[in-house]
């Protein structure tokens, strides 16, 4: 079984002042498309099987759409059958943060970009080896860099 962080703060407790990349709301709206803005800045979820990367298998790196931080390598992507891009680990332990998410009457672990606070998706303990984790990420939170 996986070791999961405990005692995580609620996602609503996160302060935007703690992130290296800081922009006001109008700057995010100018930079991002409407769906990118809603997903990354307001923790919306895109509909399954609709995002640009759910069925994308080219080799490269998936970066944060907001700040360009490299998040996931294509070699860690797998087909979870859920309709969202899924990865078994981030590029390293320093690029994401996890927050307790109690929205919609569920207890989940939200995944955010550690550099800018962008909502990426959630992580679940039902993924493949070697980690047993499934990082279920919104395509709208990502930009792909081919390698």
N, C-alpha and C. Protein backbone atom coordinates (compact mmCIF):
# COMPACT_ATOMS: atom_id res chain seq x y z
N UNK A 1 0.84 -1.19 0.00
CA UNK A 1 0.00 0.00 0.00
C UNK A 1 0.88 1.24 0.00
N UNK A 2 0.37 2.31 -0.50
CA UNK A 2 1.13 3.54 -0.63
C UNK A 2 1.08 4.35 0.65
N UNK A 3 2.16 5.07 0.88
CA UNK A 3 2.15 6.03 1.97
C UNK A 3 1.57 7.32 1.43
N UNK A 4 0.50 7.78 2.04
CA UNK A 4 -0.15 9.02 1.61
C UNK A 4 0.07 10.06 2.69
N UNK A 5 0.22 11.29 2.32
CA UNK A 5 0.38 12.34 3.32
C UNK A 5 -0.86 12.44 4.20
N UNK A 6 -0.65 12.74 5.44
CA UNK A 6 -1.77 12.93 6.36
C UNK A 6 -1.71 14.35 6.89
N UNK A 7 -2.81 14.78 7.44
CA UNK A 7 -2.86 16.11 8.02
C UNK A 7 -2.74 17.22 7.00
N UNK A 8 -3.14 16.96 5.77
CA UNK A 8 -3.07 17.99 4.73
C UNK A 8 -4.13 19.04 4.98
N UNK A 9 -3.82 20.29 4.70
CA UNK A 9 -4.83 21.33 4.86
C UNK A 9 -5.89 21.21 3.79
N UNK A 10 -7.06 21.77 4.08
CA UNK A 10 -8.12 21.83 3.07
C UNK A 10 -7.64 22.66 1.91
N UNK A 11 -8.10 22.32 0.70
CA UNK A 11 -7.70 23.08 -0.48
C UNK A 11 -8.15 24.53 -0.37
N UNK A 12 -9.22 24.78 0.36
CA UNK A 12 -9.69 26.15 0.50
C UNK A 12 -8.77 26.99 1.38
N UNK A 13 -7.85 26.34 2.13
CA UNK A 13 -6.94 27.05 3.00
C UNK A 13 -5.68 27.55 2.29
N UNK A 14 -5.47 27.13 1.05
CA UNK A 14 -4.24 27.49 0.35
C UNK A 14 -4.19 28.99 0.08
N UNK A 15 -3.06 29.58 0.35
CA UNK A 15 -2.87 31.01 0.11
C UNK A 15 -2.08 31.21 -1.18
N UNK A 16 -2.61 32.01 -2.07
CA UNK A 16 -1.93 32.31 -3.33
C UNK A 16 -0.62 33.07 -3.07
N UNK A 17 -0.46 33.66 -1.89
CA UNK A 17 0.75 34.40 -1.58
C UNK A 17 1.97 33.50 -1.41
N UNK A 18 1.77 32.21 -1.26
CA UNK A 18 2.89 31.32 -1.02
C UNK A 18 3.54 30.80 -2.30
N UNK A 19 2.96 31.08 -3.45
CA UNK A 19 3.48 30.55 -4.71
C UNK A 19 4.49 31.51 -5.34
N UNK A 20 5.49 30.92 -6.00
CA UNK A 20 6.52 31.72 -6.67
C UNK A 20 5.94 32.58 -7.79
N UNK A 21 5.06 31.99 -8.60
CA UNK A 21 4.40 32.73 -9.69
C UNK A 21 3.08 33.27 -9.16
N UNK A 22 2.96 34.59 -9.17
CA UNK A 22 1.75 35.25 -8.66
C UNK A 22 1.23 36.21 -9.72
N UNK A 23 -0.05 36.11 -9.99
CA UNK A 23 -0.70 37.04 -10.91
C UNK A 23 -2.08 37.35 -10.36
N UNK A 24 -2.60 38.52 -10.71
CA UNK A 24 -3.97 38.80 -10.29
C UNK A 24 -4.93 38.11 -11.26
N UNK A 25 -6.18 38.09 -10.87
CA UNK A 25 -7.20 37.37 -11.63
C UNK A 25 -7.29 37.84 -13.09
N UNK A 26 -7.18 39.11 -13.32
CA UNK A 26 -7.29 39.63 -14.69
C UNK A 26 -6.12 39.15 -15.55
N UNK A 27 -4.94 39.02 -14.98
CA UNK A 27 -3.79 38.53 -15.74
C UNK A 27 -3.97 37.06 -16.12
N UNK A 28 -4.52 36.25 -15.19
CA UNK A 28 -4.78 34.84 -15.50
C UNK A 28 -5.83 34.74 -16.61
N UNK A 29 -6.87 35.56 -16.52
CA UNK A 29 -7.93 35.53 -17.55
C UNK A 29 -7.39 35.91 -18.93
N UNK A 30 -6.45 36.83 -18.95
CA UNK A 30 -5.85 37.25 -20.22
C UNK A 30 -4.95 36.16 -20.81
N UNK A 31 -4.23 35.46 -19.95
CA UNK A 31 -3.28 34.44 -20.40
C UNK A 31 -3.95 33.14 -20.84
N UNK A 32 -5.00 32.74 -20.14
CA UNK A 32 -5.58 31.41 -20.31
C UNK A 32 -6.88 31.44 -21.10
N UNK A 33 -7.19 30.30 -21.75
CA UNK A 33 -8.52 30.17 -22.36
C UNK A 33 -9.54 30.06 -21.22
N UNK A 34 -10.81 30.16 -21.55
CA UNK A 34 -11.85 30.10 -20.52
C UNK A 34 -11.80 28.78 -19.75
N UNK A 35 -11.67 27.65 -20.46
CA UNK A 35 -11.64 26.35 -19.77
C UNK A 35 -10.36 26.20 -18.95
N UNK A 36 -9.23 26.66 -19.47
CA UNK A 36 -7.98 26.61 -18.71
C UNK A 36 -8.10 27.43 -17.42
N UNK A 37 -8.70 28.61 -17.54
CA UNK A 37 -8.89 29.48 -16.39
C UNK A 37 -9.81 28.82 -15.35
N UNK A 38 -10.94 28.31 -15.79
CA UNK A 38 -11.89 27.69 -14.86
C UNK A 38 -11.27 26.48 -14.15
N UNK A 39 -10.55 25.65 -14.90
CA UNK A 39 -9.93 24.45 -14.31
C UNK A 39 -8.81 24.83 -13.35
N UNK A 40 -7.87 25.64 -13.80
CA UNK A 40 -6.67 25.88 -13.00
C UNK A 40 -6.85 26.90 -11.88
N UNK A 41 -7.69 27.88 -12.07
CA UNK A 41 -7.82 28.94 -11.07
C UNK A 41 -9.05 28.75 -10.18
N UNK A 42 -10.05 27.93 -10.63
CA UNK A 42 -11.26 27.72 -9.84
C UNK A 42 -11.59 26.25 -9.61
N UNK A 43 -10.61 25.37 -9.85
CA UNK A 43 -10.73 23.93 -9.56
C UNK A 43 -11.91 23.26 -10.25
N UNK A 44 -12.25 23.74 -11.44
CA UNK A 44 -13.29 23.06 -12.23
C UNK A 44 -12.70 21.77 -12.79
N UNK A 45 -13.56 20.91 -13.31
CA UNK A 45 -13.13 19.66 -13.92
C UNK A 45 -13.70 19.60 -15.34
N UNK A 46 -12.81 19.34 -16.30
CA UNK A 46 -13.31 19.20 -17.66
C UNK A 46 -14.05 17.87 -17.79
N UNK A 47 -14.95 17.78 -18.74
CA UNK A 47 -15.72 16.56 -18.95
C UNK A 47 -14.79 15.45 -19.43
N UNK A 48 -15.04 14.21 -18.99
CA UNK A 48 -14.17 13.10 -19.42
C UNK A 48 -14.22 12.90 -20.94
N UNK A 49 -13.10 12.43 -21.48
CA UNK A 49 -12.96 12.11 -22.90
C UNK A 49 -13.08 13.34 -23.81
N UNK A 50 -12.92 14.54 -23.27
CA UNK A 50 -13.02 15.75 -24.09
C UNK A 50 -11.72 16.53 -24.16
N UNK A 51 -10.81 16.33 -23.23
CA UNK A 51 -9.58 17.11 -23.19
C UNK A 51 -8.60 16.70 -24.28
N UNK A 52 -7.72 17.62 -24.63
CA UNK A 52 -6.79 17.38 -25.75
C UNK A 52 -5.75 16.31 -25.47
N UNK A 53 -5.53 15.91 -24.22
CA UNK A 53 -4.47 14.95 -23.92
C UNK A 53 -4.94 13.61 -23.36
N UNK A 54 -6.22 13.37 -23.23
CA UNK A 54 -6.66 12.11 -22.63
C UNK A 54 -6.24 10.92 -23.47
N UNK A 55 -6.13 11.07 -24.78
CA UNK A 55 -5.74 9.97 -25.66
C UNK A 55 -4.51 10.36 -26.49
N UNK A 56 -3.58 11.03 -25.86
CA UNK A 56 -2.37 11.55 -26.51
C UNK A 56 -1.17 10.73 -26.03
N UNK A 57 -0.40 10.17 -26.97
CA UNK A 57 0.67 9.24 -26.59
C UNK A 57 2.03 9.60 -27.14
N UNK A 58 2.22 10.81 -27.63
CA UNK A 58 3.52 11.24 -28.14
C UNK A 58 4.52 11.37 -26.98
N UNK A 59 5.80 11.11 -27.25
CA UNK A 59 6.83 11.23 -26.23
C UNK A 59 7.15 12.68 -25.92
N UNK A 60 7.27 13.00 -24.64
CA UNK A 60 7.62 14.35 -24.24
C UNK A 60 7.27 14.61 -22.79
N UNK A 61 7.07 15.86 -22.48
CA UNK A 61 6.80 16.30 -21.11
C UNK A 61 5.54 17.16 -21.09
N UNK A 62 4.71 16.95 -20.08
CA UNK A 62 3.50 17.74 -19.88
C UNK A 62 3.82 18.79 -18.81
N UNK A 63 3.70 20.06 -19.20
CA UNK A 63 4.01 21.19 -18.33
C UNK A 63 2.72 21.83 -17.81
N UNK A 64 2.85 22.61 -16.76
CA UNK A 64 1.74 23.41 -16.24
C UNK A 64 1.38 24.47 -17.28
N UNK A 65 0.10 24.56 -17.64
CA UNK A 65 -0.35 25.54 -18.64
C UNK A 65 -0.22 26.97 -18.12
N UNK A 66 -0.20 27.14 -16.81
CA UNK A 66 -0.12 28.48 -16.25
C UNK A 66 1.30 29.03 -16.16
N UNK A 67 2.25 28.19 -15.73
CA UNK A 67 3.60 28.71 -15.48
C UNK A 67 4.71 27.97 -16.22
N UNK A 68 4.38 26.88 -16.92
CA UNK A 68 5.37 26.16 -17.70
C UNK A 68 6.22 25.18 -16.92
N UNK A 69 5.94 24.98 -15.65
CA UNK A 69 6.71 24.02 -14.85
C UNK A 69 6.51 22.61 -15.40
N UNK A 70 7.59 21.87 -15.69
CA UNK A 70 7.44 20.47 -16.12
C UNK A 70 6.82 19.64 -14.99
N UNK A 71 5.74 18.90 -15.32
CA UNK A 71 5.00 18.16 -14.30
C UNK A 71 5.07 16.64 -14.46
N UNK A 72 4.83 16.14 -15.68
CA UNK A 72 4.75 14.70 -15.91
C UNK A 72 5.47 14.33 -17.21
N UNK A 73 6.18 13.21 -17.18
CA UNK A 73 6.81 12.68 -18.39
C UNK A 73 5.84 11.71 -19.07
N UNK A 74 5.88 11.70 -20.39
CA UNK A 74 4.97 10.81 -21.12
C UNK A 74 5.23 9.34 -20.79
N UNK A 75 6.44 8.99 -20.37
CA UNK A 75 6.75 7.60 -20.01
C UNK A 75 6.00 7.13 -18.77
N UNK A 76 5.40 8.06 -18.01
CA UNK A 76 4.64 7.68 -16.82
C UNK A 76 3.13 7.73 -17.06
N UNK A 77 2.73 8.04 -18.29
CA UNK A 77 1.31 8.13 -18.65
C UNK A 77 0.77 6.73 -18.93
N UNK A 78 -0.46 6.48 -18.52
CA UNK A 78 -1.11 5.19 -18.80
C UNK A 78 -2.60 5.42 -19.05
N UNK A 79 -3.23 4.43 -19.67
CA UNK A 79 -4.66 4.51 -19.96
C UNK A 79 -5.44 3.96 -18.78
N UNK A 80 -6.02 4.85 -18.00
CA UNK A 80 -6.80 4.44 -16.83
C UNK A 80 -8.26 4.19 -17.19
N UNK A 81 -8.64 4.52 -18.42
CA UNK A 81 -10.01 4.32 -18.86
C UNK A 81 -11.00 5.30 -18.26
N UNK A 82 -10.50 6.38 -17.65
CA UNK A 82 -11.38 7.33 -16.96
C UNK A 82 -11.71 8.56 -17.79
N UNK A 83 -10.98 8.76 -18.91
CA UNK A 83 -11.26 9.90 -19.76
C UNK A 83 -10.42 11.13 -19.49
N UNK A 84 -9.48 11.04 -18.56
CA UNK A 84 -8.54 12.11 -18.28
C UNK A 84 -7.13 11.55 -18.38
N UNK A 85 -6.15 12.39 -18.73
CA UNK A 85 -4.77 11.92 -18.72
C UNK A 85 -4.41 11.41 -17.33
N UNK A 86 -3.75 10.26 -17.28
CA UNK A 86 -3.38 9.66 -16.00
C UNK A 86 -1.90 9.29 -16.02
N UNK A 87 -1.24 9.53 -14.90
CA UNK A 87 0.19 9.30 -14.75
C UNK A 87 0.43 8.59 -13.43
N UNK A 88 1.49 7.76 -13.36
CA UNK A 88 1.73 7.07 -12.10
C UNK A 88 2.71 7.81 -11.19
N UNK A 89 3.33 8.89 -11.69
CA UNK A 89 4.16 9.73 -10.82
C UNK A 89 4.46 11.05 -11.51
N UNK A 90 4.66 12.11 -10.71
CA UNK A 90 5.09 13.38 -11.28
C UNK A 90 6.57 13.31 -11.67
N UNK A 91 7.04 14.31 -12.38
CA UNK A 91 8.42 14.34 -12.86
C UNK A 91 9.41 14.28 -11.70
N UNK A 92 9.06 14.89 -10.57
CA UNK A 92 9.81 14.75 -9.32
C UNK A 92 8.90 15.20 -8.18
N UNK A 93 9.35 15.00 -6.96
CA UNK A 93 8.53 15.30 -5.80
C UNK A 93 8.42 16.77 -5.46
N UNK A 94 9.10 17.62 -6.22
CA UNK A 94 9.12 19.04 -5.90
C UNK A 94 8.17 19.89 -6.74
N UNK A 95 7.47 19.30 -7.70
CA UNK A 95 6.69 20.13 -8.64
C UNK A 95 5.21 20.20 -8.33
N UNK A 96 4.72 19.32 -7.48
CA UNK A 96 3.30 19.36 -7.14
C UNK A 96 3.11 19.44 -5.64
N UNK A 97 1.95 19.90 -5.25
CA UNK A 97 1.54 19.85 -3.85
C UNK A 97 0.18 19.17 -3.79
N UNK A 98 -0.08 18.56 -2.67
CA UNK A 98 -1.34 17.86 -2.47
C UNK A 98 -2.11 18.50 -1.34
N UNK A 99 -3.42 18.63 -1.54
CA UNK A 99 -4.31 19.26 -0.57
C UNK A 99 -5.54 18.37 -0.38
N UNK A 100 -6.04 18.33 0.83
CA UNK A 100 -7.28 17.62 1.09
C UNK A 100 -8.43 18.35 0.41
N UNK A 101 -9.25 17.60 -0.30
CA UNK A 101 -10.40 18.16 -1.03
C UNK A 101 -11.66 17.45 -0.53
N UNK A 102 -12.55 18.21 0.10
CA UNK A 102 -13.80 17.66 0.63
C UNK A 102 -15.02 18.10 -0.19
N UNK A 103 -14.78 18.60 -1.38
CA UNK A 103 -15.87 19.08 -2.23
C UNK A 103 -16.76 17.93 -2.68
N UNK A 104 -17.99 18.25 -2.97
CA UNK A 104 -18.98 17.30 -3.51
C UNK A 104 -19.22 16.10 -2.60
N UNK A 105 -19.04 16.28 -1.30
CA UNK A 105 -19.31 15.21 -0.34
C UNK A 105 -18.32 14.06 -0.39
N UNK A 106 -17.16 14.27 -0.99
CA UNK A 106 -16.15 13.22 -1.09
C UNK A 106 -14.86 13.69 -0.41
N UNK A 107 -14.04 12.74 -0.03
CA UNK A 107 -12.72 13.04 0.50
C UNK A 107 -11.70 12.58 -0.54
N UNK A 108 -11.03 13.55 -1.15
CA UNK A 108 -10.04 13.24 -2.18
C UNK A 108 -8.78 14.06 -1.92
N UNK A 109 -7.73 13.74 -2.67
CA UNK A 109 -6.49 14.51 -2.59
C UNK A 109 -6.34 15.30 -3.89
N UNK A 110 -6.43 16.61 -3.76
CA UNK A 110 -6.26 17.51 -4.90
C UNK A 110 -4.78 17.67 -5.20
N UNK A 111 -4.44 17.80 -6.48
CA UNK A 111 -3.06 18.01 -6.91
C UNK A 111 -2.98 19.40 -7.54
N UNK A 112 -1.99 20.18 -7.08
CA UNK A 112 -1.75 21.53 -7.61
C UNK A 112 -0.30 21.69 -8.03
N UNK A 113 -0.06 22.62 -8.95
CA UNK A 113 1.30 23.00 -9.30
C UNK A 113 1.90 23.74 -8.11
N UNK A 114 3.05 23.30 -7.67
CA UNK A 114 3.69 23.91 -6.51
C UNK A 114 4.26 25.30 -6.82
N UNK A 115 4.44 25.59 -8.10
CA UNK A 115 5.04 26.86 -8.51
C UNK A 115 4.02 27.99 -8.60
N UNK A 116 2.78 27.67 -9.04
CA UNK A 116 1.79 28.74 -9.24
C UNK A 116 0.43 28.45 -8.59
N UNK A 117 0.26 27.27 -8.02
CA UNK A 117 -1.00 26.94 -7.36
C UNK A 117 -2.11 26.48 -8.27
N UNK A 118 -1.81 26.24 -9.56
CA UNK A 118 -2.85 25.81 -10.49
C UNK A 118 -3.43 24.46 -10.07
N UNK A 119 -4.76 24.38 -10.07
CA UNK A 119 -5.43 23.10 -9.85
C UNK A 119 -5.15 22.23 -11.06
N UNK A 120 -4.65 20.99 -10.81
CA UNK A 120 -4.33 20.07 -11.90
C UNK A 120 -5.35 18.94 -11.98
N UNK A 121 -5.75 18.41 -10.84
CA UNK A 121 -6.66 17.27 -10.78
C UNK A 121 -6.59 16.64 -9.40
N UNK A 122 -6.60 15.30 -9.37
CA UNK A 122 -6.56 14.55 -8.11
C UNK A 122 -5.66 13.34 -8.24
N UNK A 123 -5.21 12.82 -7.11
CA UNK A 123 -4.41 11.60 -7.11
C UNK A 123 -5.17 10.53 -6.31
N UNK A 124 -5.17 9.32 -6.87
CA UNK A 124 -5.88 8.19 -6.26
C UNK A 124 -4.92 7.02 -6.10
N UNK A 125 -5.25 6.13 -5.18
CA UNK A 125 -4.39 4.98 -4.89
C UNK A 125 -4.83 3.74 -5.65
N UNK A 126 -5.15 3.89 -6.93
CA UNK A 126 -5.59 2.74 -7.73
C UNK A 126 -4.82 2.65 -9.05
N UNK A 127 -3.59 3.14 -9.05
CA UNK A 127 -2.77 3.14 -10.25
C UNK A 127 -1.89 1.92 -10.38
N UNK A 128 -1.12 1.85 -11.45
CA UNK A 128 -0.26 0.70 -11.71
C UNK A 128 1.06 0.77 -10.94
N UNK A 129 1.82 -0.32 -11.00
CA UNK A 129 3.18 -0.33 -10.47
C UNK A 129 4.00 0.67 -11.31
N UNK A 130 5.00 1.25 -10.82
CA UNK A 130 5.63 0.92 -9.54
C UNK A 130 5.10 1.69 -8.34
N UNK A 131 4.22 2.68 -8.54
CA UNK A 131 3.77 3.52 -7.42
C UNK A 131 2.41 3.14 -6.86
N UNK A 132 1.56 2.54 -7.69
CA UNK A 132 0.19 2.27 -7.27
C UNK A 132 -0.68 3.52 -7.25
N UNK A 133 -0.17 4.62 -7.81
CA UNK A 133 -0.90 5.88 -7.80
C UNK A 133 -1.41 6.22 -9.20
N UNK A 134 -2.52 6.96 -9.21
CA UNK A 134 -3.09 7.47 -10.47
C UNK A 134 -3.30 8.96 -10.31
N UNK A 135 -2.44 9.73 -10.95
CA UNK A 135 -2.60 11.17 -10.99
C UNK A 135 -3.56 11.46 -12.14
N UNK A 136 -4.79 11.78 -11.82
CA UNK A 136 -5.85 12.03 -12.79
C UNK A 136 -5.90 13.54 -13.04
N UNK A 137 -5.41 13.96 -14.20
CA UNK A 137 -5.11 15.37 -14.45
C UNK A 137 -5.98 15.91 -15.59
N UNK A 138 -6.49 17.11 -15.42
CA UNK A 138 -7.25 17.78 -16.48
C UNK A 138 -6.31 18.18 -17.61
N UNK A 139 -6.69 17.86 -18.84
CA UNK A 139 -5.91 18.30 -20.01
C UNK A 139 -5.75 19.81 -20.04
N UNK A 140 -6.79 20.52 -19.61
CA UNK A 140 -6.77 21.98 -19.65
C UNK A 140 -5.72 22.58 -18.73
N UNK A 141 -5.18 21.80 -17.81
CA UNK A 141 -4.14 22.27 -16.90
C UNK A 141 -2.74 22.03 -17.46
N UNK A 142 -2.66 21.41 -18.63
CA UNK A 142 -1.38 20.99 -19.19
C UNK A 142 -1.08 21.62 -20.54
N UNK A 143 0.20 21.72 -20.84
CA UNK A 143 0.67 22.01 -22.19
C UNK A 143 1.77 20.99 -22.48
N UNK A 144 1.81 20.47 -23.68
CA UNK A 144 2.72 19.39 -24.03
C UNK A 144 3.95 19.92 -24.76
N UNK A 145 5.11 19.42 -24.35
CA UNK A 145 6.38 19.73 -24.99
C UNK A 145 6.94 18.44 -25.56
N UNK A 146 6.93 18.26 -26.89
CA UNK A 146 7.47 17.03 -27.47
C UNK A 146 8.98 16.94 -27.27
N UNK A 147 9.45 15.72 -27.15
CA UNK A 147 10.90 15.48 -26.98
C UNK A 147 11.39 14.52 -28.03
